[in-house]
């Protein structure tokens, strides 16, 4: 059960990091949440607020937002010696 708690915490931290990067890029481009949502076809304001709020969303939604902001998702291997990889 403890491992599940650690996984949930790791996921929450990753979502927070995504939200922080997205909000910073929106600020850099002088875009509001509603403005970004309007730039994405078949996309709603609440979908974007879930991402910027660190809530649950799917990978398709994240990729659409990153794309319109000129960002991309890259996956890298964790440092296996890191305390966070346990």
PDB file of N, CA and C in Angstrom:
ATOM      1  N   UNK A   1       0.824  -1.198   0.000  1.00  0.00           N
ATOM      2  CA  UNK A   1       0.000   0.000   0.000  1.00  0.00           C
ATOM      3  C   UNK A   1       0.865   1.257   0.000  1.00  0.00           C
ATOM      4  N   UNK A   2       1.987   1.191   0.716  1.00  0.00           N
ATOM      5  CA  UNK A   2       2.880   2.347   0.763  1.00  0.00           C
ATOM      6  C   UNK A   2       3.395   2.697  -0.630  1.00  0.00           C
ATOM      7  N   UNK A   3       3.715   1.669  -1.432  1.00  0.00           N
ATOM      8  CA  UNK A   3       4.190   1.887  -2.787  1.00  0.00           C
ATOM      9  C   UNK A   3       3.149   2.639  -3.614  1.00  0.00           C
ATOM     10  N   UNK A   4       1.871   2.291  -3.456  1.00  0.00           N
ATOM     11  CA  UNK A   4       0.803   2.986  -4.173  1.00  0.00           C
ATOM     12  C   UNK A   4       0.776   4.457  -3.777  1.00  0.00           C
ATOM     13  N   UNK A   5       0.950   4.739  -2.508  1.00  0.00           N
ATOM     14  CA  UNK A   5       0.982   6.114  -2.041  1.00  0.00           C
ATOM     15  C   UNK A   5       2.154   6.860  -2.664  1.00  0.00           C
ATOM     16  N   UNK A   6       3.309   6.218  -2.740  1.00  0.00           N
ATOM     17  CA  UNK A   6       4.471   6.841  -3.372  1.00  0.00           C
ATOM     18  C   UNK A   6       4.211   7.095  -4.849  1.00  0.00           C
ATOM     19  N   UNK A   7       3.560   6.151  -5.519  1.00  0.00           N
ATOM     20  CA  UNK A   7       3.237   6.333  -6.933  1.00  0.00           C
ATOM     21  C   UNK A   7       2.256   7.477  -7.121  1.00  0.00           C
ATOM     22  N   UNK A   8       1.256   7.546  -6.284  1.00  0.00           N
ATOM     23  CA  UNK A   8       0.282   8.631  -6.370  1.00  0.00           C
ATOM     24  C   UNK A   8       0.948   9.978  -6.144  1.00  0.00           C
ATOM     25  N   UNK A   9       1.868  10.040  -5.196  1.00  0.00           N
ATOM     26  CA  UNK A   9       2.592  11.275  -4.927  1.00  0.00           C
ATOM     27  C   UNK A   9       3.455  11.661  -6.128  1.00  0.00           C
ATOM     28  N   UNK A  10       4.138  10.692  -6.727  1.00  0.00           N
ATOM     29  CA  UNK A  10       4.977  10.947  -7.891  1.00  0.00           C
ATOM     30  C   UNK A  10       4.135  11.474  -9.055  1.00  0.00           C
ATOM     31  N   UNK A  11       2.964  10.878  -9.267  1.00  0.00           N
ATOM     32  CA  UNK A  11       2.078  11.325 -10.340  1.00  0.00           C
ATOM     33  C   UNK A  11       1.609  12.751 -10.083  1.00  0.00           C
ATOM     34  N   UNK A  12       1.218  13.041  -8.861  1.00  0.00           N
ATOM     35  CA  UNK A  12       0.774  14.390  -8.512  1.00  0.00           C
ATOM     36  C   UNK A  12       1.887  15.409  -8.733  1.00  0.00           C
ATOM     37  N   UNK A  13       3.105  15.053  -8.378  1.00  0.00           N
ATOM     38  CA  UNK A  13       4.244  15.955  -8.574  1.00  0.00           C
ATOM     39  C   UNK A  13       4.506  16.195 -10.058  1.00  0.00           C
ATOM     40  N   UNK A  14       4.391  15.146 -10.870  1.00  0.00           N
ATOM     41  CA  UNK A  14       4.587  15.294 -12.315  1.00  0.00           C
ATOM     42  C   UNK A  14       3.512  16.196 -12.916  1.00  0.00           C
ATOM     43  N   UNK A  15       2.276  16.015 -12.500  1.00  0.00           N
ATOM     44  CA  UNK A  15       1.187  16.859 -12.998  1.00  0.00           C
ATOM     45  C   UNK A  15       1.416  18.312 -12.612  1.00  0.00           C
ATOM     46  N   UNK A  16       1.874  18.530 -11.403  1.00  0.00           N
ATOM     47  CA  UNK A  16       2.176  19.886 -10.949  1.00  0.00           C
ATOM     48  C   UNK A  16       3.281  20.502 -11.800  1.00  0.00           C
ATOM     49  N   UNK A  17       4.288  19.717 -12.125  1.00  0.00           N
ATOM     50  CA  UNK A  17       5.388  20.201 -12.963  1.00  0.00           C
ATOM     51  C   UNK A  17       4.886  20.555 -14.357  1.00  0.00           C
ATOM     52  N   UNK A  18       4.048  19.702 -14.947  1.00  0.00           N
ATOM     53  CA  UNK A  18       3.462  20.012 -16.254  1.00  0.00           C
ATOM     54  C   UNK A  18       2.676  21.313 -16.176  1.00  0.00           C
ATOM     55  N   UNK A  19       1.853  21.448 -15.147  1.00  0.00           N
ATOM     56  CA  UNK A  19       1.033  22.650 -14.988  1.00  0.00           C
ATOM     57  C   UNK A  19       1.905  23.892 -14.891  1.00  0.00           C
ATOM     58  N   UNK A  20       2.974  23.814 -14.132  1.00  0.00           N
ATOM     59  CA  UNK A  20       3.877  24.955 -13.957  1.00  0.00           C
ATOM     60  C   UNK A  20       4.504  25.369 -15.292  1.00  0.00           C
ATOM     61  N   UNK A  21       4.974  24.403 -16.057  1.00  0.00           N
ATOM     62  CA  UNK A  21       5.602  24.694 -17.353  1.00  0.00           C
ATOM     63  C   UNK A  21       4.580  25.287 -18.321  1.00  0.00           C
ATOM     64  N   UNK A  22       3.398  24.711 -18.360  1.00  0.00           N
ATOM     65  CA  UNK A  22       2.355  25.200 -19.261  1.00  0.00           C
ATOM     66  C   UNK A  22       1.945  26.619 -18.894  1.00  0.00           C
ATOM     67  N   UNK A  23       1.738  26.885 -17.609  1.00  0.00           N
ATOM     68  CA  UNK A  23       1.359  28.235 -17.182  1.00  0.00           C
ATOM     69  C   UNK A  23       2.453  29.248 -17.503  1.00  0.00           C
ATOM     70  N   UNK A  24       3.715  28.864 -17.341  1.00  0.00           N
ATOM     71  CA  UNK A  24       4.818  29.768 -17.663  1.00  0.00           C
ATOM     72  C   UNK A  24       4.848  30.068 -19.160  1.00  0.00           C
ATOM     73  N   UNK A  25       4.645  29.053 -19.980  1.00  0.00           N
ATOM     74  CA  UNK A  25       4.644  29.260 -21.428  1.00  0.00           C
ATOM     75  C   UNK A  25       3.454  30.116 -21.856  1.00  0.00           C
ATOM     76  N   UNK A  26       2.314  29.931 -21.220  1.00  0.00           N
ATOM     77  CA  UNK A  26       1.153  30.776 -21.503  1.00  0.00           C
ATOM     78  C   UNK A  26       1.471  32.224 -21.158  1.00  0.00           C
ATOM     79  N   UNK A  27       2.119  32.431 -20.030  1.00  0.00           N
ATOM     80  CA  UNK A  27       2.507  33.783 -19.619  1.00  0.00           C
ATOM     81  C   UNK A  27       3.494  34.376 -20.622  1.00  0.00           C
ATOM     82  N   UNK A  28       4.481  33.581 -21.036  1.00  0.00           N
ATOM     83  CA  UNK A  28       5.473  34.053 -22.008  1.00  0.00           C
ATOM     84  C   UNK A  28       4.821  34.477 -23.321  1.00  0.00           C
ATOM     85  N   UNK A  29       3.737  33.819 -23.685  1.00  0.00           N
ATOM     86  CA  UNK A  29       3.053  34.104 -24.954  1.00  0.00           C
ATOM     87  C   UNK A  29       1.834  35.008 -24.765  1.00  0.00           C
ATOM     88  N   UNK A  30       1.665  35.536 -23.557  1.00  0.00           N
ATOM     89  CA  UNK A  30       0.533  36.411 -23.241  1.00  0.00           C
ATOM     90  C   UNK A  30      -0.810  35.773 -23.605  1.00  0.00           C
ATOM     91  N   UNK A  31      -0.973  34.513 -23.236  1.00  0.00           N
ATOM     92  CA  UNK A  31      -2.206  33.787 -23.516  1.00  0.00           C
ATOM     93  C   UNK A  31      -2.929  33.445 -22.220  1.00  0.00           C
ATOM     94  N   UNK A  32      -4.242  33.546 -22.257  1.00  0.00           N
ATOM     95  CA  UNK A  32      -5.066  33.120 -21.128  1.00  0.00           C
ATOM     96  C   UNK A  32      -5.446  31.654 -21.321  1.00  0.00           C
ATOM     97  N   UNK A  33      -5.984  31.054 -20.286  1.00  0.00           N
ATOM     98  CA  UNK A  33      -6.458  29.677 -20.391  1.00  0.00           C
ATOM     99  C   UNK A  33      -7.535  29.590 -21.470  1.00  0.00           C
ATOM    100  N   UNK A  34      -8.453  30.519 -21.459  1.00  0.00           N
ATOM    101  CA  UNK A  34      -9.521  30.520 -22.463  1.00  0.00           C
ATOM    102  C   UNK A  34      -8.946  30.737 -23.861  1.00  0.00           C
ATOM    103  N   UNK A  35      -7.955  31.611 -23.972  1.00  0.00           N
ATOM    104  CA  UNK A  35      -7.325  31.861 -25.265  1.00  0.00           C
ATOM    105  C   UNK A  35      -6.653  30.626 -25.831  1.00  0.00           C
ATOM    106  N   UNK A  36      -5.969  29.882 -24.992  1.00  0.00           N
ATOM    107  CA  UNK A  36      -5.324  28.641 -25.438  1.00  0.00           C
ATOM    108  C   UNK A  36      -6.389  27.628 -25.845  1.00  0.00           C
ATOM    109  N   UNK A  37      -7.425  27.487 -25.055  1.00  0.00           N
ATOM    110  CA  UNK A  37      -8.494  26.531 -25.361  1.00  0.00           C
ATOM    111  C   UNK A  37      -9.132  26.846 -26.711  1.00  0.00           C
ATOM    112  N   UNK A  38      -9.269  28.127 -27.034  1.00  0.00           N
ATOM    113  CA  UNK A  38      -9.869  28.523 -28.309  1.00  0.00           C
ATOM    114  C   UNK A  38      -8.969  28.206 -29.499  1.00  0.00           C
ATOM    115  N   UNK A  39      -7.678  28.059 -29.275  1.00  0.00           N
ATOM    116  CA  UNK A  39      -6.739  27.747 -30.354  1.00  0.00           C
ATOM    117  C   UNK A  39      -6.728  26.264 -30.727  1.00  0.00           C
ATOM    118  N   UNK A  40      -7.357  25.435 -29.911  1.00  0.00           N
ATOM    119  CA  UNK A  40      -7.338  23.987 -30.120  1.00  0.00           C
ATOM    120  C   UNK A  40      -8.717  23.532 -30.592  1.00  0.00           C
ATOM    121  N   UNK A  41      -8.740  22.858 -31.736  1.00  0.00           N
ATOM    122  CA  UNK A  41      -9.994  22.377 -32.309  1.00  0.00           C
ATOM    123  C   UNK A  41     -10.656  21.348 -31.392  1.00  0.00           C
ATOM    124  N   UNK A  42     -11.969  21.472 -31.247  1.00  0.00           N
ATOM    125  CA  UNK A  42     -12.764  20.549 -30.415  1.00  0.00           C
ATOM    126  C   UNK A  42     -12.214  20.440 -28.994  1.00  0.00           C
ATOM    127  N   UNK A  43     -11.942  21.574 -28.412  1.00  0.00           N
ATOM    128  CA  UNK A  43     -11.326  21.622 -27.088  1.00  0.00           C
ATOM    129  C   UNK A  43     -12.119  22.582 -26.223  1.00  0.00           C
ATOM    130  N   UNK A  44     -12.222  22.295 -24.944  1.00  0.00           N
ATOM    131  CA  UNK A  44     -13.004  23.158 -24.063  1.00  0.00           C
ATOM    132  C   UNK A  44     -12.143  23.771 -22.962  1.00  0.00           C
ATOM    133  N   UNK A  45     -12.624  24.875 -22.467  1.00  0.00           N
ATOM    134  CA  UNK A  45     -11.982  25.584 -21.364  1.00  0.00           C
ATOM    135  C   UNK A  45     -11.764  24.671 -20.155  1.00  0.00           C
ATOM    136  N   UNK A  46     -12.781  23.878 -19.736  1.00  0.00           N
ATOM    137  CA  UNK A  46     -12.570  22.998 -18.578  1.00  0.00           C
ATOM    138  C   UNK A  46     -11.451  21.972 -18.770  1.00  0.00           C
ATOM    139  N   UNK A  47     -11.255  21.506 -20.006  1.00  0.00           N
ATOM    140  CA  UNK A  47     -10.170  20.552 -20.246  1.00  0.00           C
ATOM    141  C   UNK A  47      -8.822  21.176 -19.893  1.00  0.00           C
ATOM    142  N   UNK A  48      -8.636  22.419 -20.287  1.00  0.00           N
ATOM    143  CA  UNK A  48      -7.365  23.086 -20.014  1.00  0.00           C
ATOM    144  C   UNK A  48      -7.219  23.430 -18.536  1.00  0.00           C
ATOM    145  N   UNK A  49      -8.310  23.786 -17.881  1.00  0.00           N
ATOM    146  CA  UNK A  49      -8.201  24.090 -16.451  1.00  0.00           C
ATOM    147  C   UNK A  49      -7.825  22.851 -15.644  1.00  0.00           C
ATOM    148  N   UNK A  50      -8.198  21.662 -16.134  1.00  0.00           N
ATOM    149  CA  UNK A  50      -7.774  20.435 -15.443  1.00  0.00           C
ATOM    150  C   UNK A  50      -6.254  20.281 -15.521  1.00  0.00           C
ATOM    151  N   UNK A  51      -5.685  20.608 -16.668  1.00  0.00           N
ATOM    152  CA  UNK A  51      -4.229  20.494 -16.820  1.00  0.00           C
ATOM    153  C   UNK A  51      -3.524  21.549 -15.983  1.00  0.00           C
ATOM    154  N   UNK A  52      -3.949  22.801 -16.097  1.00  0.00           N
ATOM    155  CA  UNK A  52      -3.269  23.871 -15.362  1.00  0.00           C
ATOM    156  C   UNK A  52      -3.505  23.772 -13.863  1.00  0.00           C
ATOM    157  N   UNK A  53      -4.520  23.008 -13.467  1.00  0.00           N
ATOM    158  CA  UNK A  53      -4.789  22.790 -12.052  1.00  0.00           C
ATOM    159  C   UNK A  53      -4.183  21.508 -11.508  1.00  0.00           C
ATOM    160  N   UNK A  54      -3.465  20.779 -12.365  1.00  0.00           N
ATOM    161  CA  UNK A  54      -2.832  19.536 -11.924  1.00  0.00           C
ATOM    162  C   UNK A  54      -3.822  18.411 -11.661  1.00  0.00           C
ATOM    163  N   UNK A  55      -4.979  18.471 -12.308  1.00  0.00           N
ATOM    164  CA  UNK A  55      -6.013  17.437 -12.127  1.00  0.00           C
ATOM    165  C   UNK A  55      -5.830  16.329 -13.156  1.00  0.00           C
ATOM    166  N   UNK A  56      -6.774  15.379 -13.170  1.00  0.00           N
ATOM    167  CA  UNK A  56      -6.702  14.261 -14.117  1.00  0.00           C
ATOM    168  C   UNK A  56      -7.043  14.707 -15.531  1.00  0.00           C
ATOM    169  N   UNK A  57      -6.307  14.194 -16.490  1.00  0.00           N
ATOM    170  CA  UNK A  57      -6.546  14.451 -17.907  1.00  0.00           C
ATOM    171  C   UNK A  57      -5.878  13.331 -18.684  1.00  0.00           C
ATOM    172  N   UNK A  58      -6.195  13.231 -19.974  1.00  0.00           N
ATOM    173  CA  UNK A  58      -5.571  12.166 -20.755  1.00  0.00           C
ATOM    174  C   UNK A  58      -4.383  12.709 -21.553  1.00  0.00           C
ATOM    175  N   UNK A  59      -3.582  11.806 -22.054  1.00  0.00           N
ATOM    176  CA  UNK A  59      -2.353  12.182 -22.757  1.00  0.00           C
ATOM    177  C   UNK A  59      -2.660  12.955 -24.035  1.00  0.00           C
ATOM    178  N   UNK A  60      -3.760  12.631 -24.721  1.00  0.00           N
ATOM    179  CA  UNK A  60      -4.134  13.357 -25.936  1.00  0.00           C
ATOM    180  C   UNK A  60      -4.347  14.836 -25.630  1.00  0.00           C
ATOM    181  N   UNK A  61      -5.034  15.101 -24.537  1.00  0.00           N
ATOM    182  CA  UNK A  61      -5.297  16.475 -24.124  1.00  0.00           C
ATOM    183  C   UNK A  61      -3.995  17.209 -23.838  1.00  0.00           C
ATOM    184  N   UNK A  62      -3.108  16.580 -23.109  1.00  0.00           N
ATOM    185  CA  UNK A  62      -1.820  17.193 -22.788  1.00  0.00           C
ATOM    186  C   UNK A  62      -1.036  17.510 -24.055  1.00  0.00           C
ATOM    187  N   UNK A  63      -0.976  16.571 -24.982  1.00  0.00           N
ATOM    188  CA  UNK A  63      -0.202  16.774 -26.209  1.00  0.00           C
ATOM    189  C   UNK A  63      -0.780  17.916 -27.042  1.00  0.00           C
ATOM    190  N   UNK A  64      -2.093  18.038 -27.119  1.00  0.00           N
ATOM    191  CA  UNK A  64      -2.718  19.145 -27.854  1.00  0.00           C
ATOM    192  C   UNK A  64      -2.310  20.488 -27.264  1.00  0.00           C
ATOM    193  N   UNK A  65      -2.347  20.586 -25.949  1.00  0.00           N
ATOM    194  CA  UNK A  65      -1.989  21.838 -25.276  1.00  0.00           C
ATOM    195  C   UNK A  65      -0.514  22.154 -25.490  1.00  0.00           C
ATOM    196  N   UNK A  66       0.339  21.171 -25.302  1.00  0.00           N
ATOM    197  CA  UNK A  66       1.770  21.389 -25.507  1.00  0.00           C
ATOM    198  C   UNK A  66       2.049  21.858 -26.929  1.00  0.00           C
ATOM    199  N   UNK A  67       1.389  21.243 -27.903  1.00  0.00           N
ATOM    200  CA  UNK A  67       1.611  21.591 -29.303  1.00  0.00           C
ATOM    201  C   UNK A  67       1.260  23.046 -29.590  1.00  0.00           C
ATOM    202  N   UNK A  68       0.108  23.485 -29.130  1.00  0.00           N
ATOM    203  CA  UNK A  68      -0.313  24.856 -29.410  1.00  0.00           C
ATOM    204  C   UNK A  68       0.591  25.877 -28.708  1.00  0.00           C
ATOM    205  N   UNK A  69       1.257  25.457 -27.651  1.00  0.00           N
ATOM    206  CA  UNK A  69       2.172  26.349 -26.929  1.00  0.00           C
ATOM    207  C   UNK A  69       3.617  26.225 -27.414  1.00  0.00           C
ATOM    208  N   UNK A  70       3.837  25.402 -28.434  1.00  0.00           N
ATOM    209  CA  UNK A  70       5.191  25.232 -28.958  1.00  0.00           C
ATOM    210  C   UNK A  70       6.068  24.368 -28.074  1.00  0.00           C
ATOM    211  N   UNK A  71       5.445  23.480 -27.321  1.00  0.00           N
ATOM    212  CA  UNK A  71       6.171  22.574 -26.434  1.00  0.00           C
ATOM    213  C   UNK A  71       5.966  21.143 -26.912  1.00  0.00           C
ATOM    214  N   UNK A  72       6.791  20.232 -26.426  1.00  0.00           N
ATOM    215  CA  UNK A  72       6.620  18.821 -26.735  1.00  0.00           C
ATOM    216  C   UNK A  72       6.962  17.990 -25.513  1.00  0.00           C
ATOM    217  N   UNK A  73       6.452  16.791 -25.503  1.00  0.00           N
ATOM    218  CA  UNK A  73       6.677  15.864 -24.406  1.00  0.00           C
ATOM    219  C   UNK A  73       7.826  14.937 -24.765  1.00  0.00           C
ATOM    220  N   UNK A  74       8.812  14.836 -23.899  1.00  0.00           N
ATOM    221  CA  UNK A  74       9.932  13.920 -24.085  1.00  0.00           C
ATOM    222  C   UNK A  74       9.996  12.985 -22.893  1.00  0.00           C
ATOM    223  N   UNK A  75      10.240  11.726 -23.158  1.00  0.00           N
ATOM    224  CA  UNK A  75      10.340  10.730 -22.099  1.00  0.00           C
ATOM    225  C   UNK A  75      11.799  10.315 -21.988  1.00  0.00           C
ATOM    226  N   UNK A  76      12.314  10.331 -20.765  1.00  0.00           N
ATOM    227  CA  UNK A  76      13.702   9.942 -20.523  1.00  0.00           C
ATOM    228  C   UNK A  76      13.747   8.910 -19.404  1.00  0.00           C
ATOM    229  N   UNK A  77      14.823   8.175 -19.365  1.00  0.00           N
ATOM    230  CA  UNK A  77      15.016   7.201 -18.295  1.00  0.00           C
ATOM    231  C   UNK A  77      15.328   7.916 -16.995  1.00  0.00           C
ATOM    232  N   UNK A  78      14.796   7.383 -15.911  1.00  0.00           N
ATOM    233  CA  UNK A  78      15.120   7.903 -14.587  1.00  0.00           C
ATOM    234  C   UNK A  78      16.537   7.498 -14.227  1.00  0.00           C
ATOM    235  N   UNK A  79      17.131   8.268 -13.353  1.00  0.00           N
ATOM    236  CA  UNK A  79      18.414   7.885 -12.765  1.00  0.00           C
ATOM    237  C   UNK A  79      18.109   6.791 -11.745  1.00  0.00           C
ATOM    238  N   UNK A  80      18.567   5.571 -12.011  1.00  0.00           N
ATOM    239  CA  UNK A  80      18.229   4.455 -11.121  1.00  0.00           C
ATOM    240  C   UNK A  80      18.844   4.591  -9.739  1.00  0.00           C
ATOM    241  N   UNK A  81      19.811   5.472  -9.590  1.00  0.00           N
ATOM    242  CA  UNK A  81      20.432   5.705  -8.290  1.00  0.00           C
ATOM    243  C   UNK A  81      19.726   6.807  -7.511  1.00  0.00           C
ATOM    244  N   UNK A  82      18.739   7.425  -8.129  1.00  0.00           N
ATOM    245  CA  UNK A  82      18.011   8.519  -7.504  1.00  0.00           C
ATOM    246  C   UNK A  82      17.077   7.989  -6.426  1.00  0.00           C
ATOM    247  N   UNK A  83      16.899   8.757  -5.365  1.00  0.00           N
ATOM    248  CA  UNK A  83      15.974   8.365  -4.303  1.00  0.00           C
ATOM    249  C   UNK A  83      14.532   8.365  -4.809  1.00  0.00           C
ATOM    250  N   UNK A  84      14.230   9.154  -5.862  1.00  0.00           N
ATOM    251  CA  UNK A  84      12.880   9.233  -6.407  1.00  0.00           C
ATOM    252  C   UNK A  84      12.504   8.018  -7.232  1.00  0.00           C
ATOM    253  N   UNK A  85      13.471   7.189  -7.601  1.00  0.00           N
ATOM    254  CA  UNK A  85      13.177   6.050  -8.470  1.00  0.00           C
ATOM    255  C   UNK A  85      12.759   4.807  -7.697  1.00  0.00           C
ATOM    256  N   UNK A  86      12.669   4.900  -6.402  1.00  0.00           N
ATOM    257  CA  UNK A  86      12.298   3.743  -5.571  1.00  0.00           C
ATOM    258  C   UNK A  86      10.807   3.526  -5.577  1.00  0.00           C
TER     259      UNK A  86
END
